[in-house]
Each structure stands twice: as C-alpha cells, then as structure tokens.
Protein backbone atom coordinates (compact mmCIF):
# COMPACT_ATOMS: atom_id res chain seq x y z
CA MET A 1 35.23 -2.18 39.99
CA ASN A 2 37.35 0.76 41.02
CA ARG A 3 36.04 4.25 41.72
CA ARG A 4 37.15 5.65 38.37
CA THR A 5 35.42 2.94 36.40
CA ALA A 6 32.27 3.27 38.48
CA ALA A 7 32.25 7.05 37.99
CA ALA A 8 32.74 6.67 34.24
CA VAL A 9 29.90 4.17 33.97
CA LEU A 10 27.60 6.36 36.06
CA SER A 11 28.47 9.41 33.94
CA ALA A 12 27.71 7.52 30.73
CA VAL A 13 24.35 6.34 32.07
CA LEU A 14 23.39 9.84 33.22
CA ALA A 15 24.47 11.36 29.89
CA ALA A 16 22.38 8.83 27.96
CA ALA A 17 19.37 9.54 30.16
CA GLY A 18 19.80 13.25 29.65
CA LEU A 19 20.01 12.89 25.88
CA SER A 20 16.88 10.80 25.72
CA ALA A 21 14.99 13.57 27.54
CA CYS A 22 16.04 16.21 25.00
CA GLY A 23 13.37 17.22 22.54
CA SER A 24 10.57 15.62 24.51
CA GLY A 25 8.55 18.80 24.51
CA GLN A 26 8.83 19.14 28.29
CA GLY A 27 8.89 22.72 29.42
CA ASP A 28 7.45 24.12 26.19
CA ASP A 29 4.74 26.72 26.59
CA LYS A 30 2.52 25.22 23.91
CA PRO A 31 0.76 21.89 24.42
CA VAL A 32 2.11 18.96 22.48
CA VAL A 33 -0.50 17.52 20.15
CA LYS A 34 0.15 13.86 19.63
CA THR A 35 -1.07 12.70 16.28
CA PRO A 36 -1.61 9.10 15.40
CA PRO A 37 0.91 7.31 13.22
CA ALA A 38 0.69 7.93 9.50
CA ALA A 39 -1.35 5.50 7.49
CA SER A 40 0.33 3.07 5.18
CA PRO A 41 -0.67 3.01 1.51
CA SER A 42 -3.37 0.51 2.41
CA GLY A 43 -4.93 3.04 4.79
CA VAL A 44 -4.06 1.00 7.87
CA PRO A 45 -2.09 2.88 10.55
CA SER A 46 1.48 1.83 11.02
CA ALA A 47 2.36 -0.12 14.15
CA GLY A 48 2.47 1.67 17.47
CA GLY A 49 0.39 4.38 19.11
CA PRO A 50 -3.20 4.19 20.22
CA SER A 51 -4.68 4.12 16.72
CA ALA A 52 -3.03 0.78 16.01
CA THR A 53 -5.53 -0.87 18.33
CA ALA A 54 -8.37 1.57 19.01
CA GLY A 55 -9.06 2.47 15.40
CA ALA A 56 -7.90 -0.76 13.81
CA GLY A 57 -8.10 -0.41 10.04
CA LYS A 58 -8.64 3.35 10.24
CA GLY A 59 -6.01 6.01 9.96
CA ILE A 60 -5.58 9.18 8.03
CA PRO A 61 -7.89 9.01 5.02
CA ALA A 62 -6.89 9.76 1.45
CA LYS A 63 -7.25 13.30 0.16
CA PRO A 64 -10.85 14.01 -0.79
CA ASP A 65 -11.99 14.50 -4.36
CA ALA A 66 -12.63 18.06 -5.56
CA ALA A 67 -16.39 17.99 -4.88
CA THR A 68 -15.97 16.63 -1.34
CA GLN A 69 -13.19 19.11 -0.63
CA ALA A 70 -15.36 22.02 -1.81
CA LYS A 71 -18.25 20.93 0.47
CA TYR A 72 -15.85 20.48 3.40
CA LEU A 73 -14.26 23.92 2.95
CA ALA A 74 -17.67 25.58 2.55
CA ALA A 75 -18.91 23.95 5.75
CA LEU A 76 -15.81 25.16 7.64
CA ALA A 77 -16.23 28.68 6.24
CA ALA A 78 -19.85 28.66 7.41
CA ILE A 79 -18.60 28.11 10.97
CA ASP A 80 -15.91 30.80 10.70
CA PRO A 81 -14.16 31.95 7.50
CA ASP A 82 -10.91 32.26 9.45
CA ILE A 83 -10.73 28.45 9.82
CA VAL A 84 -9.70 28.09 6.19
CA ASN A 85 -7.92 31.49 6.19
CA THR A 86 -6.95 31.39 2.47
CA LYS A 87 -5.17 28.07 3.07
CA PRO A 88 -7.53 25.35 1.87
CA ASP A 89 -4.82 22.69 1.58
CA LYS A 90 -3.83 23.26 5.20
CA ALA A 91 -7.47 23.00 6.31
CA VAL A 92 -7.82 19.71 4.43
CA ASP A 93 -4.60 18.31 5.92
CA ARG A 94 -5.67 19.31 9.43
CA GLY A 95 -9.02 17.62 8.86
CA ARG A 96 -7.41 14.43 7.61
CA ASP A 97 -5.12 14.42 10.65
CA GLN A 98 -8.17 14.93 12.85
CA CYS A 99 -9.69 11.81 11.32
CA GLY A 100 -6.71 9.94 12.74
CA SER A 101 -7.55 11.37 16.16
CA ILE A 102 -11.17 10.30 15.76
CA ALA A 103 -9.95 6.77 15.06
CA SER A 104 -7.52 6.92 18.00
CA PHE A 105 -10.15 8.01 20.52
CA PRO A 106 -13.42 6.41 19.39
CA GLY A 107 -16.36 7.46 21.51
CA ASP A 108 -14.35 10.11 23.39
CA LYS A 109 -15.98 13.23 21.98
CA ARG A 110 -14.39 15.44 24.64
CA LYS A 111 -10.86 14.34 23.68
CA GLN A 112 -11.65 14.62 19.98
CA THR A 113 -12.99 18.16 20.48
CA ASP A 114 -9.96 19.18 22.53
CA LEU A 115 -7.60 17.88 19.84
CA THR A 116 -9.65 19.67 17.17
CA ASN A 117 -9.29 22.93 19.07
CA GLN A 118 -5.52 22.41 19.31
CA ARG A 119 -5.16 21.42 15.67
CA PHE A 120 -7.32 24.08 14.02
CA THR A 121 -5.73 27.48 14.62
CA SER A 122 -5.22 30.65 12.64
CA PRO A 123 -3.31 33.91 13.02
CA ASN A 124 -6.43 35.43 14.60
CA HIS A 125 -7.06 32.32 16.75
CA PRO A 126 -3.60 31.03 17.77
CA ASP A 127 -5.08 29.06 20.67
CA GLY A 128 -7.88 27.51 18.65
CA PHE A 129 -11.47 28.52 18.04
CA GLY A 130 -12.85 27.43 21.41
CA PRO A 131 -14.79 24.33 22.40
CA GLU A 132 -18.09 25.26 20.73
CA LYS A 133 -16.59 25.94 17.31
CA ALA A 134 -14.17 23.02 17.73
CA ALA A 135 -17.14 20.68 18.21
CA LYS A 136 -18.70 22.04 15.01
CA ILE A 137 -15.38 21.69 13.14
CA LEU A 138 -15.13 18.10 14.40
CA ASP A 139 -18.61 17.35 13.05
CA VAL A 140 -17.67 18.82 9.65
CA VAL A 141 -14.47 16.77 9.53
CA HIS A 142 -16.32 13.61 10.48
CA THR A 143 -19.14 14.23 7.99
CA HIS A 144 -17.01 15.12 4.97
CA LEU A 145 -13.61 13.48 5.40
CA CYS A 146 -14.13 10.32 7.44
CA PRO A 147 -17.84 9.48 7.77
CA THR A 148 -17.18 5.79 8.51
CA TYR A 149 -15.05 6.52 11.59
C-alpha cells in the first residue's frame, strides 16, 4: 500500500471514530440519565440494556387508572407540592420511567434514589429534590405505580 492510500484509510478510520463519539453526552455539564429500554406492548423490556436481564419481565408499567393516579399525585404533593408542579402527566411519566430504573437496579436502593433525584426536577429544584426527598419519592413511585417490582 502506498503512502497516499494508507493516509486515506487512516483518515477515514479517524473520521468514523470521531463521528461515533459525537452526541455521546461527553463534556455536557448535566449528568446523563440512562433510562432502561422502553417496554414492548407485552410489558417486557426490549432487548438490550441492563433491564433486559436484571428486571426480566419488568419494564415501564402501563399508565395508572384515574384512582391510582390521584393517590400517587397526592402522595407526591404531600412530600413537596413542587414535585407535581401543575404538571401531573409529567409526574406520572417520570414515575413510570423510574419503575424501569427500579427493575434495572433491583436491590440497589442507593442507585434507585440517585436516579430518582436526577429524574424528578422542577423549576425551583433543577438539580433534584435531594436524597431524602428522592428516597420518599422513590417509595411513592414503588407503592403506587409498580408495587410488584
């Protein structure tokens, strides 16, 4: 192989490596919250990611019925009204996503609490509600949205 060909091949390899690094979240100021893969219609997580093995058969649960949702939102508001912050649908979606994290990290309460604190934010709490409230939020999510996890 001549020098030109070798240089062209090396340039192509380096360019491909550089493109694959784009958008990886490296260098961002905010932490990247990795969520488990979305559940299929059967409720089983799609292939890949830690929840495919750790929480086998568990993923993001279905939306709760109106009564369950009302109890869930009331329990969150009892911790801090700013958690729901006039956006009940967002609070429910964040809780359902947190159920996926519970399934992904079974038995790792510290990791679950950390992810809860990253996931539940508000304009008045852009960095989360802190570990104590996050642990309470996690308990509410677990109790109302995914009690079998």
